[in-house]
Protein backbone atom coordinates (compact mmCIF):
# COMPACT_ATOMS: atom_id res chain seq x y z
CA ALA A 1 -16.19 -25.88 1.08
CA GLY A 2 -19.46 -27.47 2.13
CA GLU A 3 -18.10 -28.41 5.55
CA VAL A 4 -16.84 -24.87 6.12
CA ALA A 5 -20.22 -23.42 5.19
CA ARG A 6 -22.01 -25.78 7.59
CA ARG A 7 -19.66 -24.85 10.45
CA ALA A 8 -19.63 -21.10 9.74
CA GLY A 9 -21.28 -20.26 13.06
CA GLU A 10 -18.55 -22.10 14.96
CA LEU A 11 -15.68 -20.24 13.32
CA LYS A 12 -14.13 -17.12 14.75
CA PRO A 13 -14.30 -13.95 12.59
CA GLN A 14 -10.58 -14.17 11.81
CA GLU A 15 -11.00 -17.80 10.76
CA LEU A 16 -13.81 -16.83 8.39
CA ALA A 17 -11.59 -14.12 6.93
CA ASN A 18 -8.73 -16.59 6.50
CA VAL A 19 -10.94 -19.10 4.68
CA LEU A 20 -12.32 -16.52 2.27
CA TRP A 21 -8.88 -15.01 1.65
CA ALA A 22 -7.39 -18.46 1.01
CA PHE A 23 -10.05 -19.40 -1.55
CA ALA A 24 -9.72 -16.06 -3.35
CA THR A 25 -5.91 -16.15 -3.33
CA ALA A 26 -5.91 -19.68 -4.76
CA LYS A 27 -8.47 -18.56 -7.36
CA ALA A 28 -10.58 -21.52 -6.30
CA SER A 29 -14.12 -21.05 -7.57
CA ALA A 30 -16.50 -21.38 -4.63
CA PRO A 31 -19.34 -18.90 -5.21
CA GLU A 32 -21.82 -20.88 -3.13
CA LEU A 33 -19.46 -20.88 -0.15
CA PHE A 34 -18.97 -17.13 -0.47
CA ARG A 35 -22.71 -16.53 -0.70
CA ARG A 36 -23.43 -18.73 2.32
CA LEU A 37 -20.73 -17.08 4.43
CA ALA A 38 -21.73 -13.53 3.49
CA GLY A 39 -24.65 -13.40 5.93
CA GLU A 40 -22.61 -14.80 8.81
CA VAL A 41 -19.76 -12.39 8.22
CA ALA A 42 -22.12 -9.42 7.88
CA ARG A 43 -23.84 -10.37 11.15
CA ARG A 44 -20.51 -10.43 12.97
CA ALA A 45 -18.81 -7.58 11.12
CA GLY A 46 -18.39 -5.63 14.34
CA GLU A 47 -16.03 -8.34 15.61
CA LEU A 48 -13.62 -8.01 12.68
CA ASP A 49 -10.21 -6.41 13.07
CA PRO A 50 -8.90 -4.04 10.35
CA GLN A 51 -6.92 -6.75 8.55
CA ALA A 52 -9.93 -9.05 8.42
CA ILE A 53 -12.15 -6.25 7.08
CA ALA A 54 -9.72 -5.58 4.25
CA ASN A 55 -9.08 -9.26 3.49
CA ILE A 56 -12.78 -10.14 3.32
CA ALA A 57 -13.59 -7.17 1.09
CA TRP A 58 -10.68 -8.07 -1.18
CA ALA A 59 -11.67 -11.75 -1.28
CA TYR A 60 -15.25 -11.06 -2.41
CA ALA A 61 -14.07 -8.57 -5.02
CA GLU A 62 -11.39 -10.95 -6.29
CA ALA A 63 -13.90 -13.82 -6.43
CA ARG A 64 -16.45 -11.50 -8.05
CA VAL A 65 -19.25 -12.67 -5.77
CA SER A 66 -21.95 -10.05 -5.25
CA ALA A 67 -22.74 -9.45 -1.57
CA PRO A 68 -24.14 -5.91 -1.18
CA ASP A 69 -25.39 -6.43 2.38
CA LEU A 70 -21.97 -7.70 3.43
CA PHE A 71 -20.24 -4.74 1.82
CA ARG A 72 -22.59 -2.34 3.59
CA ALA A 73 -21.58 -3.94 6.88
CA LEU A 74 -17.89 -3.90 5.97
CA GLY A 75 -18.16 -0.28 4.86
CA HIS A 76 -19.70 0.65 8.20
CA VAL A 77 -17.01 -1.01 10.31
CA ALA A 78 -14.25 0.24 8.02
CA THR A 79 -15.53 3.79 8.49
CA GLN A 80 -15.44 3.37 12.25
CA SER A 81 -11.96 1.83 12.07
CA ILE A 82 -10.45 4.11 9.41
CA ARG A 83 -7.68 5.40 11.68
CA ARG A 84 -6.59 1.85 12.50
CA LEU A 85 -6.48 0.63 8.90
CA LYS A 86 -2.96 0.27 7.53
CA PRO A 87 -2.16 1.84 4.13
CA GLN A 88 -2.59 -1.40 2.20
CA GLU A 89 -5.83 -2.14 4.06
CA VAL A 90 -7.30 1.26 3.18
CA ALA A 91 -6.28 0.80 -0.45
CA ASN A 92 -7.69 -2.74 -0.63
CA VAL A 93 -11.05 -1.78 0.83
CA LEU A 94 -11.42 1.08 -1.66
CA TRP A 95 -10.24 -1.14 -4.53
CA SER A 96 -12.83 -3.76 -3.56
CA LEU A 97 -15.64 -1.20 -3.73
CA HIS A 98 -14.35 -0.13 -7.14
CA LYS A 99 -14.34 -3.72 -8.42
CA MET A 100 -17.86 -4.36 -7.10
CA ARG A 101 -19.11 -0.95 -8.31
CA LEU A 102 -20.51 -0.14 -4.87
CA ALA A 103 -20.83 3.25 -3.21
CA ALA A 104 -20.02 3.81 0.46
CA PRO A 105 -20.42 7.57 1.02
CA ALA A 106 -19.58 7.56 4.73
CA LEU A 107 -16.43 5.54 4.13
CA PHE A 108 -15.40 7.72 1.21
CA ASP A 109 -15.80 10.82 3.38
CA ALA A 110 -13.77 9.25 6.19
CA ALA A 111 -11.05 8.15 3.76
CA ALA A 112 -10.95 11.60 2.15
CA ARG A 113 -10.19 13.10 5.56
CA GLU A 114 -7.85 10.39 6.82
CA ILE A 115 -5.60 9.56 3.87
CA PRO A 116 -4.07 13.03 3.26
CA SER A 117 -3.27 13.30 6.97
CA ARG A 118 -0.89 10.35 6.75
CA SER A 119 2.71 10.17 5.66
CA ALA A 120 2.85 9.05 2.05
CA ALA A 121 6.01 7.10 2.86
CA GLY A 122 3.87 4.27 4.24
CA PHE A 123 2.08 3.74 0.91
CA ASN A 124 3.56 1.90 -2.07
CA GLY A 125 2.88 2.27 -5.78
CA GLN A 126 0.05 -0.24 -5.76
CA ASP A 127 -1.62 1.54 -2.84
CA PHE A 128 -1.52 4.88 -4.68
CA ALA A 129 -2.88 3.29 -7.84
CA ASN A 130 -5.70 1.48 -6.05
CA ILE A 131 -6.74 4.59 -4.15
CA VAL A 132 -6.83 7.01 -7.08
CA LEU A 133 -8.35 4.43 -9.43
CA SER A 134 -11.12 3.58 -6.99
CA LEU A 135 -12.07 7.16 -6.19
CA ALA A 136 -11.93 8.33 -9.80
CA SER A 137 -13.83 5.36 -11.23
CA LEU A 138 -16.62 5.71 -8.66
CA GLY A 139 -16.87 9.44 -9.21
CA VAL A 140 -15.91 10.34 -5.65
CA ALA A 141 -14.95 13.99 -5.23
CA ALA A 142 -11.82 13.78 -3.10
CA PRO A 143 -9.41 16.40 -4.49
CA ALA A 144 -7.27 16.44 -1.33
CA VAL A 145 -6.59 12.70 -1.67
CA LEU A 146 -5.80 12.94 -5.37
CA ASP A 147 -3.51 15.95 -4.78
CA TRP A 148 -1.76 14.04 -1.99
CA ALA A 149 -1.24 10.99 -4.19
CA ALA A 150 -0.26 13.05 -7.23
CA ALA A 151 2.40 14.94 -5.26
CA GLU A 152 3.97 11.69 -4.11
CA LEU A 153 3.84 10.20 -7.62
CA VAL A 154 5.79 13.22 -8.86
CA ARG A 155 8.47 12.46 -6.26
CA ARG A 156 8.74 8.74 -6.90
CA PRO A 157 7.11 7.55 -10.14
CA GLY A 158 9.45 4.55 -10.10
CA ALA A 159 7.49 3.13 -7.17
CA CYS A 160 4.81 2.07 -9.66
CA GLU A 161 4.84 -1.06 -11.79
CA ARG A 162 3.27 -1.06 -15.24
CA GLN A 163 -0.28 -1.84 -14.13
CA HIS A 164 -0.07 0.77 -11.37
CA ILE A 165 1.23 3.36 -13.83
CA ALA A 166 -1.62 2.69 -16.26
CA ASN A 167 -4.25 2.77 -13.52
CA SER A 168 -2.87 5.95 -11.95
CA LEU A 169 -2.56 7.77 -15.27
CA TRP A 170 -6.10 6.87 -16.26
CA ALA A 171 -7.51 7.89 -12.87
CA LEU A 172 -5.68 11.21 -12.63
CA ALA A 173 -6.63 12.09 -16.20
CA ILE A 174 -10.29 11.26 -15.57
CA ALA A 175 -10.31 13.23 -12.31
CA ASP A 176 -8.66 16.41 -13.64
CA VAL A 177 -5.91 16.21 -16.24
CA GLY A 178 -4.94 19.86 -15.84
CA ARG A 179 -4.77 19.77 -12.06
CA HIS A 180 -2.49 16.71 -12.06
CA GLU A 181 -0.33 17.58 -15.06
CA ARG A 182 2.98 17.21 -13.17
CA ALA A 183 2.12 13.76 -11.83
CA ILE A 184 0.85 12.62 -15.21
CA GLY A 185 4.05 13.87 -16.82
CA ALA A 186 6.22 12.08 -14.27
CA LEU A 187 4.36 8.80 -14.74
CA TRP A 188 4.47 9.13 -18.53
CA GLY A 189 8.20 9.68 -18.35
CA HIS A 190 8.66 6.55 -16.26
CA ALA A 191 6.32 4.57 -18.54
CA CYS A 192 8.35 5.54 -21.60
CA SER A 193 11.55 4.35 -19.95
CA LEU A 194 10.23 0.79 -19.62
CA PRO A 195 10.65 -1.85 -22.38
CA VAL A 196 7.54 -1.91 -24.52
CA GLU A 197 7.34 -5.73 -24.60
CA GLY A 198 6.55 -5.80 -20.89
CA TRP A 199 3.22 -4.01 -21.29
CA LYS A 200 -0.06 -5.93 -21.46
CA ALA A 201 -2.67 -5.04 -24.06
CA ALA A 202 -5.12 -3.76 -21.44
CA GLU A 203 -2.45 -1.51 -19.92
CA LEU A 204 -1.55 -0.08 -23.31
CA GLY A 205 -5.25 0.53 -23.91
CA GLN A 206 -5.45 2.57 -20.71
CA LEU A 207 -2.39 4.58 -21.72
CA ARG A 208 -3.93 5.25 -25.12
CA ASP A 209 -7.07 6.61 -23.46
CA VAL A 210 -5.20 9.13 -21.30
């Protein structure tokens, strides 16, 4: 980790993204490395491709290393690149902001316009859950996005695994339980069809709060 930090200026943006993603995926604790790389990545944020933007944001959120200046830079480039971000990349960037409890108004506005314009077929259950959870938990008013996600969840509630069901139910209920009654009902129906022993305590707690 120390050698990587010392050579940060020599690494290409994609290489920096790969290093951070690898450490976060392996759950290897390296907060000092993340802090030392944050400035370098922020300085070169404009060179990042959409995948690298999403992977870096996810890595810092997963590692729980605070880097507000980096996230401001990532939010800026993600806003500019919103049309090039793949469904999972959009969802991961929003989820990362949710985990770090950071606001990015320009990005939220861009996402609120972009997401409902896309075919929902390209998004999976985890993407839907991450998007609605992030927007609802951060208090972002994006009814078009939530309506878009809710309509798709009515059509295919089985696309969601237990954690995604719990997150989506909580988010839709917090946003507007009456407006999303059909989606909530569809997810509840799917949740009730699953064996109870497969649920984690935290997920059951979310269901109880809906």
